[in-house]
Amino acid sequence: MDEYKTYLFEYPYKGDRWGFEIKATSPEDAEARFKSIPWGKYSGELLFSHEVSQDGLLHQIIDWFRRR
C-alpha cells in the first residue's frame, strides 16, 4: 500500500467541525472515493487498530494464517 497516501476531509456537524481520512493514490482518487460515500453503509464499531509492519513477526503470523 505504499502508493497510497492519506487525504483529510472535514465536515460541520452540530456546531463543530469533524474530520476523517481516506487512503488514495492521488487527490483526485480521494475525491472520487469521497463521492462514493453516499452508497456506503454502517458496518460496525472500530474497537482496535494497529498498523503491522510488512517484515514484522505479527505480519508473518497473519500471512501464515491467510495462506492456510
Protein backbone atom coordinates (compact mmCIF):
# COMPACT_ATOMS: atom_id res chain seq x y z
CA MET A 1 0.00 0.00 0.00
CA ASP A 2 3.00 2.32 -0.38
CA GLU A 3 1.42 4.08 -3.36
CA TYR A 4 -1.47 5.23 -1.15
CA LYS A 5 -1.37 8.48 0.80
CA THR A 6 -3.74 9.73 3.50
CA TYR A 7 -6.05 12.59 2.48
CA LEU A 8 -8.08 14.56 5.01
CA PHE A 9 -11.72 15.63 4.74
CA GLU A 10 -13.83 17.65 7.14
CA TYR A 11 -17.49 18.49 7.63
CA PRO A 12 -19.65 20.52 10.02
CA TYR A 13 -21.93 18.75 12.48
CA LYS A 14 -23.94 20.24 15.36
CA GLY A 15 -21.80 23.38 15.56
CA ASP A 16 -18.44 21.57 15.49
CA ARG A 17 -16.02 20.59 12.74
CA TRP A 18 -15.27 16.89 12.31
CA GLY A 19 -12.83 15.09 10.09
CA PHE A 20 -11.90 11.76 8.62
CA GLU A 21 -9.22 10.34 6.37
CA ILE A 22 -9.31 8.49 3.07
CA LYS A 23 -6.44 6.40 1.69
CA ALA A 24 -6.00 7.08 -2.02
CA THR A 25 -3.37 7.27 -4.75
CA SER A 26 -3.95 10.98 -5.54
CA PRO A 27 -6.14 13.93 -4.52
CA GLU A 28 -8.39 13.11 -7.49
CA ASP A 29 -8.70 9.48 -6.36
CA ALA A 30 -9.52 10.71 -2.83
CA GLU A 31 -12.27 12.98 -4.19
CA ALA A 32 -13.71 10.10 -6.26
CA ARG A 33 -13.71 7.83 -3.21
CA PHE A 34 -15.36 10.60 -1.16
CA LYS A 35 -18.14 10.93 -3.74
CA SER A 36 -18.95 7.21 -3.34
CA ILE A 37 -19.66 7.60 0.40
CA PRO A 38 -23.46 8.06 -0.07
CA TRP A 39 -23.56 4.41 -1.23
CA GLY A 40 -21.80 3.22 1.91
CA LYS A 41 -23.48 1.57 4.88
CA TYR A 42 -22.80 1.14 8.58
CA SER A 43 -20.67 -1.95 9.18
CA GLY A 44 -19.75 -1.79 12.87
CA GLU A 45 -17.63 -0.06 15.51
CA LEU A 46 -13.82 0.05 15.38
CA LEU A 47 -12.59 -1.31 18.70
CA PHE A 48 -8.87 -1.60 18.00
CA SER A 49 -6.45 -0.57 15.29
CA HIS A 50 -2.79 -1.44 14.90
CA GLU A 51 -0.51 -0.95 11.92
CA VAL A 52 1.50 -4.06 11.07
CA SER A 53 4.97 -3.78 9.57
CA GLN A 54 5.44 -5.77 6.34
CA ASP A 55 8.52 -7.51 7.69
CA GLY A 56 7.48 -7.90 11.32
CA LEU A 57 6.65 -11.10 13.17
CA LEU A 58 2.94 -10.24 13.50
CA HIS A 59 2.68 -9.77 9.72
CA GLN A 60 4.33 -13.15 9.16
CA ILE A 61 1.89 -14.85 11.53
CA ILE A 62 -1.13 -13.20 9.88
CA ASP A 63 0.20 -14.10 6.43
CA TRP A 64 0.71 -17.72 7.53
CA PHE A 65 -2.95 -17.94 8.69
CA ARG A 66 -4.20 -16.35 5.45
CA ARG A 67 -2.41 -18.96 3.35
CA ARG A 68 -3.95 -21.91 5.22
